[in-house]
Structure formats: C-alpha cells, structure tokens
Amino acid sequence: MRFALYLMLLVFAGMCDAETTVSYYKCVTDKSTIFSQHPCSNSAQQYTLTHSDPQAHIPSEQHFKTLNELERKQIIHNLKHALRAKKQHAAILGRKRDEAARKQQRRVTRLMNDDKRKATVKDVKKQLKSINKDYLQRVKVLNKEIAKIEKKLKRLQ
C-alpha cells in the first residue's frame, strides 16, 4: 500500500514538472538583431527557452520580421524628415545671406561725399566677404550632414 502510494506520488510529481524546451538562435548584424530557429550565421548564439506548461503551443508566427520592418520604416521616415529639415535650413541660410548682401548694397547707393563713399565701399566689400565666408562654412557643414543622411537612407532602402 505504501509502495503504491509512493509510486503514484512520483508519477504525479513527474507529470507536474513536465517541461518543454525550445532552442533558438540569436544573430546580431549591423542593421538588426535576428532570432531564428536555425543558425543564421557563423556567429549565431544558441539559447534555450524552457516553459513548464506543455499544453501551451509555441507560436508559429515570426514576429521579429514584422518588428524589424516597422523599425526600418520608422528609421527611413525619420531620416527623410531630417534630410528635408537640413535642405530647408540650407535654403534659409541662402536667403539670409542674400538679405545681408542687399542690405550692404543699399549702404553704397545712399547719397554721400566721395571720401565717405570710398570708405563705405571698402567696408561693404569687407562685410560681403565675411558674409560669404560665413555662409560657405555653414553650407559646407550642412552639405556634409545631408550627404551622411542620404548615405544612411540609401543603405536602408
């Protein structure tokens, strides 16, 4: 009687501890992280997932592909907006430079005597040179940023 009771207790305990194990692989690339049932590269790391409810089914859908696609679309969307903002910033810089140049040119067209006119022309040339130098420096930085964003965008598309 005791033996049968111990035997039933062991069988019942064994059924309660029934576990299901699943192996999966994790591959890290420069663009994303991929989890797969099969090794996806030489550097794939194997992980084991264990759950104690054998009645629970392993989901057959692979949600990581959807997630990676959504992440990629969001990154592309953000890069396009950043590119548009940089191009608008470049256009604004051009308008500001043109406005400053017109302002300096108006100084030359005012009525004044010859000595004052020569000094004003010299000052206007100096101001225009500094305006153009500042503009070219800013545009150079913006063009580098635009090229970097376009390169990232091209790589993702």
N, C-alpha and C. Protein backbone atom coordinates (compact mmCIF):
# COMPACT_ATOMS: atom_id res chain seq x y z
N MET A 1 0.81 -1.18 0.00
CA MET A 1 0.00 0.00 0.00
C MET A 1 0.87 1.26 0.00
N ARG A 2 1.85 1.29 0.89
CA ARG A 2 2.75 2.44 0.91
C ARG A 2 3.52 2.55 -0.40
N PHE A 3 3.95 1.43 -0.90
CA PHE A 3 4.71 1.41 -2.15
C PHE A 3 3.88 1.99 -3.29
N ALA A 4 2.63 1.60 -3.38
CA ALA A 4 1.74 2.11 -4.42
C ALA A 4 1.51 3.60 -4.25
N LEU A 5 1.40 4.03 -3.02
CA LEU A 5 1.21 5.46 -2.74
C LEU A 5 2.43 6.27 -3.17
N TYR A 6 3.63 5.77 -2.86
CA TYR A 6 4.86 6.45 -3.28
C TYR A 6 4.99 6.46 -4.80
N LEU A 7 4.64 5.35 -5.42
CA LEU A 7 4.72 5.26 -6.88
C LEU A 7 3.77 6.27 -7.53
N MET A 8 2.56 6.37 -7.02
CA MET A 8 1.60 7.33 -7.58
C MET A 8 2.06 8.77 -7.33
N LEU A 9 2.67 9.01 -6.18
CA LEU A 9 3.19 10.33 -5.87
C LEU A 9 4.31 10.72 -6.83
N LEU A 10 5.21 9.79 -7.13
CA LEU A 10 6.30 10.06 -8.07
C LEU A 10 5.79 10.31 -9.48
N VAL A 11 4.81 9.52 -9.92
CA VAL A 11 4.24 9.71 -11.26
C VAL A 11 3.54 11.06 -11.34
N PHE A 12 2.78 11.40 -10.32
CA PHE A 12 2.07 12.68 -10.30
C PHE A 12 3.06 13.85 -10.29
N ALA A 13 4.13 13.74 -9.50
CA ALA A 13 5.15 14.80 -9.45
C ALA A 13 5.85 14.93 -10.79
N GLY A 14 6.08 13.81 -11.46
CA GLY A 14 6.71 13.85 -12.78
C GLY A 14 5.83 14.53 -13.81
N MET A 15 4.52 14.33 -13.70
CA MET A 15 3.61 14.97 -14.63
C MET A 15 3.51 16.47 -14.38
N CYS A 16 3.62 16.87 -13.14
CA CYS A 16 3.55 18.29 -12.80
C CYS A 16 4.78 19.04 -13.28
N ASP A 17 5.91 18.37 -13.31
CA ASP A 17 7.15 19.01 -13.71
C ASP A 17 7.43 18.89 -15.20
N ALA A 18 6.46 18.48 -15.99
CA ALA A 18 6.67 18.31 -17.43
C ALA A 18 7.05 19.67 -18.02
N GLU A 19 8.14 19.70 -18.72
CA GLU A 19 8.64 20.94 -19.30
C GLU A 19 8.87 20.75 -20.79
N THR A 20 8.76 21.82 -21.51
CA THR A 20 9.05 21.82 -22.93
C THR A 20 10.21 22.77 -23.16
N THR A 21 11.19 22.33 -23.91
CA THR A 21 12.34 23.19 -24.21
C THR A 21 12.40 23.43 -25.70
N VAL A 22 12.76 24.62 -26.04
CA VAL A 22 12.91 25.02 -27.43
C VAL A 22 14.24 25.74 -27.57
N SER A 23 14.98 25.40 -28.59
CA SER A 23 16.25 26.09 -28.85
C SER A 23 16.03 27.12 -29.95
N TYR A 24 16.66 28.27 -29.80
CA TYR A 24 16.61 29.29 -30.84
C TYR A 24 17.97 29.95 -30.93
N TYR A 25 18.19 30.66 -32.02
CA TYR A 25 19.48 31.28 -32.29
C TYR A 25 19.32 32.78 -32.40
N LYS A 26 20.33 33.49 -31.94
CA LYS A 26 20.34 34.95 -32.00
C LYS A 26 21.51 35.37 -32.87
N CYS A 27 21.22 36.14 -33.92
CA CYS A 27 22.25 36.64 -34.82
C CYS A 27 22.20 38.17 -34.78
N VAL A 28 23.33 38.78 -34.54
CA VAL A 28 23.42 40.24 -34.49
C VAL A 28 24.15 40.70 -35.74
N THR A 29 23.48 41.56 -36.53
CA THR A 29 24.10 42.16 -37.71
C THR A 29 24.21 43.66 -37.47
N ASP A 30 24.82 44.36 -38.41
CA ASP A 30 24.97 45.80 -38.24
C ASP A 30 23.64 46.53 -38.38
N LYS A 31 22.66 45.91 -39.03
CA LYS A 31 21.36 46.57 -39.22
C LYS A 31 20.33 46.16 -38.18
N SER A 32 20.40 44.90 -37.69
CA SER A 32 19.36 44.45 -36.78
C SER A 32 19.81 43.22 -36.00
N THR A 33 18.95 42.77 -35.13
CA THR A 33 19.15 41.53 -34.39
C THR A 33 18.06 40.56 -34.84
N ILE A 34 18.47 39.34 -35.18
CA ILE A 34 17.53 38.35 -35.71
C ILE A 34 17.51 37.15 -34.78
N PHE A 35 16.30 36.70 -34.45
CA PHE A 35 16.11 35.48 -33.70
C PHE A 35 15.52 34.45 -34.66
N SER A 36 16.10 33.25 -34.69
CA SER A 36 15.68 32.25 -35.64
C SER A 36 15.72 30.87 -35.02
N GLN A 37 14.99 29.93 -35.64
CA GLN A 37 15.02 28.55 -35.17
C GLN A 37 16.24 27.82 -35.70
N HIS A 38 16.86 28.38 -36.73
CA HIS A 38 18.04 27.77 -37.34
C HIS A 38 19.18 28.78 -37.29
N PRO A 39 20.43 28.31 -37.26
CA PRO A 39 21.56 29.26 -37.23
C PRO A 39 21.54 30.14 -38.48
N CYS A 40 21.65 31.43 -38.31
CA CYS A 40 21.59 32.34 -39.45
C CYS A 40 22.97 32.88 -39.83
N SER A 41 23.98 32.61 -39.04
CA SER A 41 25.35 33.00 -39.39
C SER A 41 26.31 32.18 -38.54
N ASN A 42 27.59 32.35 -38.83
CA ASN A 42 28.61 31.61 -38.08
C ASN A 42 28.69 32.08 -36.63
N SER A 43 28.34 33.32 -36.39
CA SER A 43 28.43 33.88 -35.04
C SER A 43 27.11 33.78 -34.27
N ALA A 44 26.21 32.90 -34.72
CA ALA A 44 24.92 32.75 -34.06
C ALA A 44 25.10 32.16 -32.66
N GLN A 45 24.38 32.73 -31.71
CA GLN A 45 24.44 32.23 -30.34
C GLN A 45 23.17 31.43 -30.07
N GLN A 46 23.35 30.23 -29.51
CA GLN A 46 22.19 29.39 -29.24
C GLN A 46 21.68 29.65 -27.83
N TYR A 47 20.36 29.80 -27.73
CA TYR A 47 19.69 29.98 -26.46
C TYR A 47 18.62 28.90 -26.32
N THR A 48 18.28 28.59 -25.10
CA THR A 48 17.26 27.58 -24.84
C THR A 48 16.14 28.24 -24.04
N LEU A 49 14.93 28.01 -24.50
CA LEU A 49 13.75 28.53 -23.83
C LEU A 49 12.99 27.35 -23.24
N THR A 50 12.74 27.40 -21.97
CA THR A 50 12.05 26.30 -21.28
C THR A 50 10.79 26.85 -20.64
N HIS A 51 9.67 26.17 -20.88
CA HIS A 51 8.45 26.54 -20.17
C HIS A 51 7.80 25.29 -19.62
N SER A 52 7.10 25.47 -18.54
CA SER A 52 6.60 24.32 -17.79
C SER A 52 5.17 23.94 -18.15
N ASP A 53 4.55 24.64 -19.06
CA ASP A 53 3.19 24.30 -19.46
C ASP A 53 3.25 23.62 -20.83
N PRO A 54 3.25 22.30 -20.86
CA PRO A 54 3.39 21.61 -22.15
C PRO A 54 2.17 21.78 -23.04
N GLN A 55 1.06 22.24 -22.48
CA GLN A 55 -0.14 22.43 -23.30
C GLN A 55 -0.07 23.73 -24.10
N ALA A 56 0.79 24.65 -23.67
CA ALA A 56 0.92 25.91 -24.39
C ALA A 56 1.66 25.66 -25.69
N HIS A 57 1.13 26.17 -26.76
CA HIS A 57 1.73 25.95 -28.07
C HIS A 57 2.77 27.02 -28.35
N ILE A 58 3.80 26.63 -29.05
CA ILE A 58 4.83 27.57 -29.47
C ILE A 58 4.27 28.36 -30.64
N PRO A 59 4.30 29.66 -30.59
CA PRO A 59 3.74 30.44 -31.70
C PRO A 59 4.52 30.18 -32.99
N SER A 60 3.78 29.93 -34.05
CA SER A 60 4.43 29.63 -35.32
C SER A 60 4.83 30.90 -36.07
N GLU A 61 4.17 32.01 -35.76
CA GLU A 61 4.48 33.26 -36.45
C GLU A 61 5.81 33.81 -35.97
N GLN A 62 6.52 34.41 -36.87
CA GLN A 62 7.80 35.00 -36.52
C GLN A 62 7.62 36.52 -36.50
N HIS A 63 7.42 37.05 -35.31
CA HIS A 63 7.10 38.47 -35.17
C HIS A 63 8.30 39.37 -35.37
N PHE A 64 9.51 38.81 -35.29
CA PHE A 64 10.69 39.67 -35.41
C PHE A 64 10.80 40.28 -36.78
N LYS A 65 10.32 39.58 -37.81
CA LYS A 65 10.40 40.15 -39.16
C LYS A 65 9.51 41.38 -39.26
N THR A 66 8.33 41.29 -38.69
CA THR A 66 7.42 42.43 -38.70
C THR A 66 8.01 43.59 -37.91
N LEU A 67 8.57 43.28 -36.75
CA LEU A 67 9.15 44.33 -35.92
C LEU A 67 10.32 44.99 -36.63
N ASN A 68 11.19 44.20 -37.24
CA ASN A 68 12.33 44.79 -37.94
C ASN A 68 11.87 45.65 -39.11
N GLU A 69 10.83 45.22 -39.80
CA GLU A 69 10.31 46.00 -40.92
C GLU A 69 9.72 47.32 -40.42
N LEU A 70 9.00 47.28 -39.30
CA LEU A 70 8.45 48.51 -38.73
C LEU A 70 9.55 49.45 -38.27
N GLU A 71 10.57 48.89 -37.63
CA GLU A 71 11.70 49.71 -37.19
C GLU A 71 12.38 50.36 -38.39
N ARG A 72 12.58 49.57 -39.45
CA ARG A 72 13.25 50.08 -40.65
C ARG A 72 12.43 51.20 -41.29
N LYS A 73 11.12 51.01 -41.37
CA LYS A 73 10.26 52.05 -41.94
C LYS A 73 10.31 53.33 -41.10
N GLN A 74 10.33 53.17 -39.78
CA GLN A 74 10.39 54.34 -38.90
C GLN A 74 11.72 55.07 -39.06
N ILE A 75 12.80 54.32 -39.16
CA ILE A 75 14.12 54.94 -39.35
C ILE A 75 14.16 55.69 -40.67
N ILE A 76 13.64 55.07 -41.74
CA ILE A 76 13.61 55.73 -43.05
C ILE A 76 12.77 57.00 -42.98
N HIS A 77 11.63 56.92 -42.32
CA HIS A 77 10.74 58.09 -42.17
C HIS A 77 11.47 59.22 -41.45
N ASN A 78 12.16 58.89 -40.35
CA ASN A 78 12.89 59.91 -39.59
C ASN A 78 14.04 60.50 -40.40
N LEU A 79 14.74 59.66 -41.17
CA LEU A 79 15.84 60.16 -41.99
C LEU A 79 15.34 61.10 -43.09
N LYS A 80 14.20 60.76 -43.69
CA LYS A 80 13.63 61.63 -44.72
C LYS A 80 13.26 62.99 -44.14
N HIS A 81 12.70 62.99 -42.94
CA HIS A 81 12.35 64.26 -42.30
C HIS A 81 13.60 65.05 -41.93
N ALA A 82 14.64 64.38 -41.47
CA ALA A 82 15.88 65.07 -41.13
C ALA A 82 16.51 65.66 -42.39
N LEU A 83 16.47 64.91 -43.49
CA LEU A 83 17.02 65.40 -44.76
C LEU A 83 16.26 66.63 -45.24
N ARG A 84 14.95 66.58 -45.15
CA ARG A 84 14.12 67.73 -45.56
C ARG A 84 14.43 68.95 -44.69
N ALA A 85 14.61 68.73 -43.39
CA ALA A 85 14.92 69.84 -42.48
C ALA A 85 16.27 70.46 -42.81
N LYS A 86 17.26 69.64 -43.12
CA LYS A 86 18.59 70.16 -43.46
C LYS A 86 18.54 70.96 -44.76
N LYS A 87 17.79 70.47 -45.74
CA LYS A 87 17.68 71.20 -47.02
C LYS A 87 16.96 72.54 -46.81
N GLN A 88 15.94 72.54 -45.96
CA GLN A 88 15.26 73.80 -45.67
C GLN A 88 16.18 74.76 -44.93
N HIS A 89 16.99 74.22 -44.04
CA HIS A 89 17.95 75.06 -43.31
C HIS A 89 18.95 75.68 -44.29
N ALA A 90 19.39 74.91 -45.29
CA ALA A 90 20.31 75.44 -46.30
C ALA A 90 19.64 76.55 -47.10
N ALA A 91 18.37 76.39 -47.44
CA ALA A 91 17.65 77.42 -48.17
C ALA A 91 17.51 78.69 -47.33
N ILE A 92 17.25 78.53 -46.04
CA ILE A 92 17.13 79.68 -45.14
C ILE A 92 18.46 80.42 -45.05
N LEU A 93 19.57 79.66 -44.97
CA LEU A 93 20.88 80.31 -44.93
C LEU A 93 21.13 81.12 -46.20
N GLY A 94 20.73 80.58 -47.34
CA GLY A 94 20.89 81.30 -48.60
C GLY A 94 20.08 82.59 -48.62
N ARG A 95 18.85 82.54 -48.13
CA ARG A 95 18.02 83.74 -48.08
C ARG A 95 18.60 84.78 -47.13
N LYS A 96 19.11 84.33 -45.98
CA LYS A 96 19.71 85.28 -45.04
C LYS A 96 20.95 85.94 -45.63
N ARG A 97 21.75 85.15 -46.35
CA ARG A 97 22.95 85.72 -46.98
C ARG A 97 22.55 86.76 -48.03
N ASP A 98 21.55 86.43 -48.85
CA ASP A 98 21.10 87.37 -49.87
C ASP A 98 20.55 88.65 -49.25
N GLU A 99 19.82 88.51 -48.16
CA GLU A 99 19.27 89.69 -47.48
C GLU A 99 20.39 90.56 -46.92
N ALA A 100 21.40 89.95 -46.31
CA ALA A 100 22.52 90.71 -45.77
C ALA A 100 23.30 91.40 -46.89
N ALA A 101 23.45 90.72 -48.03
CA ALA A 101 24.16 91.32 -49.17
C ALA A 101 23.37 92.52 -49.71
N ARG A 102 22.06 92.39 -49.82
CA ARG A 102 21.24 93.52 -50.29
C ARG A 102 21.33 94.70 -49.33
N LYS A 103 21.34 94.41 -48.05
CA LYS A 103 21.45 95.47 -47.05
C LYS A 103 22.77 96.22 -47.21
N GLN A 104 23.85 95.49 -47.44
CA GLN A 104 25.16 96.13 -47.64
C GLN A 104 25.18 96.93 -48.95
N GLN A 105 24.53 96.42 -49.99
CA GLN A 105 24.49 97.14 -51.26
C GLN A 105 23.69 98.44 -51.13
N ARG A 106 22.65 98.45 -50.32
CA ARG A 106 21.87 99.66 -50.11
C ARG A 106 22.71 100.75 -49.46
N ARG A 107 23.66 100.35 -48.63
CA ARG A 107 24.54 101.33 -48.00
C ARG A 107 25.34 102.10 -49.05
N VAL A 108 25.71 101.42 -50.13
CA VAL A 108 26.53 102.05 -51.17
C VAL A 108 25.70 103.06 -51.97
N THR A 109 24.42 102.78 -52.17
CA THR A 109 23.60 103.63 -53.03
C THR A 109 23.12 104.92 -52.36
N ARG A 110 23.37 105.10 -51.10
CA ARG A 110 22.96 106.33 -50.42
C ARG A 110 23.80 107.52 -50.90
N LEU A 111 23.22 108.69 -50.76
CA LEU A 111 23.95 109.90 -51.13
C LEU A 111 24.98 110.23 -50.06
N MET A 112 26.24 110.43 -50.51
CA MET A 112 27.30 110.81 -49.57
C MET A 112 28.46 111.39 -50.37
N ASN A 113 29.40 112.03 -49.69
CA ASN A 113 30.54 112.62 -50.39
C ASN A 113 31.53 111.50 -50.78
N ASP A 114 32.52 111.86 -51.62
CA ASP A 114 33.42 110.86 -52.20
C ASP A 114 34.27 110.14 -51.16
N ASP A 115 34.79 110.86 -50.17
CA ASP A 115 35.64 110.21 -49.16
C ASP A 115 34.83 109.19 -48.35
N LYS A 116 33.65 109.62 -47.97
CA LYS A 116 32.82 108.71 -47.19
C LYS A 116 32.37 107.53 -48.04
N ARG A 117 32.13 107.79 -49.33
CA ARG A 117 31.70 106.73 -50.26
C ARG A 117 32.79 105.67 -50.41
N LYS A 118 34.06 106.11 -50.54
CA LYS A 118 35.17 105.16 -50.68
C LYS A 118 35.29 104.28 -49.43
N ALA A 119 35.16 104.91 -48.27
CA ALA A 119 35.24 104.15 -47.02
C ALA A 119 34.07 103.17 -46.91
N THR A 120 32.90 103.62 -47.33
CA THR A 120 31.72 102.75 -47.27
C THR A 120 31.87 101.58 -48.23
N VAL A 121 32.36 101.84 -49.46
CA VAL A 121 32.55 100.77 -50.44
C VAL A 121 33.55 99.75 -49.91
N LYS A 122 34.62 100.24 -49.31
CA LYS A 122 35.63 99.34 -48.73
C LYS A 122 35.02 98.49 -47.61
N ASP A 123 34.24 99.14 -46.75
CA ASP A 123 33.60 98.41 -45.65
C ASP A 123 32.57 97.40 -46.18
N VAL A 124 31.83 97.80 -47.22
CA VAL A 124 30.83 96.89 -47.80
C VAL A 124 31.51 95.66 -48.39
N LYS A 125 32.62 95.86 -49.10
CA LYS A 125 33.35 94.72 -49.66
C LYS A 125 33.83 93.78 -48.55
N LYS A 126 34.32 94.38 -47.48
CA LYS A 126 34.79 93.58 -46.34
C LYS A 126 33.63 92.80 -45.72
N GLN A 127 32.49 93.48 -45.54
CA GLN A 127 31.31 92.82 -44.96
C GLN A 127 30.79 91.70 -45.86
N LEU A 128 30.74 91.96 -47.19
CA LEU A 128 30.27 90.93 -48.12
C LEU A 128 31.20 89.72 -48.11
N LYS A 129 32.49 89.99 -48.01
CA LYS A 129 33.45 88.88 -47.95
C LYS A 129 33.23 88.04 -46.70
N SER A 130 33.02 88.69 -45.57
CA SER A 130 32.79 87.93 -44.33
C SER A 130 31.44 87.20 -44.36
N ILE A 131 30.43 87.83 -44.96
CA ILE A 131 29.11 87.19 -45.09
C ILE A 131 29.23 85.92 -45.94
N ASN A 132 29.91 86.03 -47.07
CA ASN A 132 30.07 84.88 -47.96
C ASN A 132 30.91 83.79 -47.31
N LYS A 133 31.95 84.19 -46.58
CA LYS A 133 32.81 83.20 -45.91
C LYS A 133 32.01 82.43 -44.87
N ASP A 134 31.24 83.15 -44.06
CA ASP A 134 30.41 82.50 -43.04
C ASP A 134 29.37 81.59 -43.69
N TYR A 135 28.75 82.08 -44.78
CA TYR A 135 27.75 81.28 -45.48
C TYR A 135 28.37 79.99 -46.03
N LEU A 136 29.52 80.09 -46.66
CA LEU A 136 30.16 78.91 -47.24
C LEU A 136 30.55 77.89 -46.17
N GLN A 137 31.00 78.37 -45.01
CA GLN A 137 31.34 77.44 -43.93
C GLN A 137 30.10 76.69 -43.45
N ARG A 138 29.02 77.42 -43.26
CA ARG A 138 27.79 76.78 -42.78
C ARG A 138 27.22 75.82 -43.82
N VAL A 139 27.26 76.22 -45.08
CA VAL A 139 26.74 75.36 -46.15
C VAL A 139 27.60 74.10 -46.28
N LYS A 140 28.89 74.24 -46.10
CA LYS A 140 29.78 73.08 -46.17
C LYS A 140 29.42 72.06 -45.09
N VAL A 141 29.20 72.53 -43.88
CA VAL A 141 28.81 71.64 -42.78
C VAL A 141 27.45 71.00 -43.08
N LEU A 142 26.50 71.80 -43.56
CA LEU A 142 25.18 71.27 -43.88
C LEU A 142 25.25 70.23 -44.99
N ASN A 143 26.06 70.49 -46.02
CA ASN A 143 26.18 69.53 -47.11
C ASN A 143 26.78 68.21 -46.64
N LYS A 144 27.72 68.27 -45.70
CA LYS A 144 28.28 67.03 -45.14
C LYS A 144 27.19 66.26 -44.39
N GLU A 145 26.39 66.98 -43.60
CA GLU A 145 25.31 66.33 -42.86
C GLU A 145 24.27 65.74 -43.81
N ILE A 146 23.95 66.47 -44.87
CA ILE A 146 22.99 65.98 -45.86
C ILE A 146 23.53 64.73 -46.54
N ALA A 147 24.81 64.74 -46.90
CA ALA A 147 25.41 63.57 -47.55
C ALA A 147 25.39 62.36 -46.62
N LYS A 148 25.65 62.59 -45.34
CA LYS A 148 25.64 61.50 -44.36
C LYS A 148 24.24 60.91 -44.23
N ILE A 149 23.24 61.78 -44.18
CA ILE A 149 21.85 61.31 -44.06
C ILE A 149 21.43 60.56 -45.32
N GLU A 150 21.81 61.09 -46.50
CA GLU A 150 21.46 60.42 -47.75
C GLU A 150 22.14 59.05 -47.85
N LYS A 151 23.36 58.96 -47.35
CA LYS A 151 24.07 57.68 -47.36
C LYS A 151 23.36 56.66 -46.48
N LYS A 152 22.93 57.08 -45.29
CA LYS A 152 22.18 56.18 -44.40
C LYS A 152 20.87 55.75 -45.05
N LEU A 153 20.19 56.71 -45.66
CA LEU A 153 18.91 56.44 -46.30
C LEU A 153 19.07 55.47 -47.46
N LYS A 154 20.11 55.67 -48.24
CA LYS A 154 20.37 54.79 -49.38
C LYS A 154 20.67 53.37 -48.91
N ARG A 155 21.40 53.25 -47.80
CA ARG A 155 21.75 51.93 -47.27
C ARG A 155 20.51 51.18 -46.77
N LEU A 156 19.55 51.91 -46.22
CA LEU A 156 18.35 51.26 -45.68
C LEU A 156 17.30 50.95 -46.73
N GLN A 157 17.36 51.61 -47.87
CA GLN A 157 16.33 51.37 -48.90
C GLN A 157 16.73 50.32 -49.88
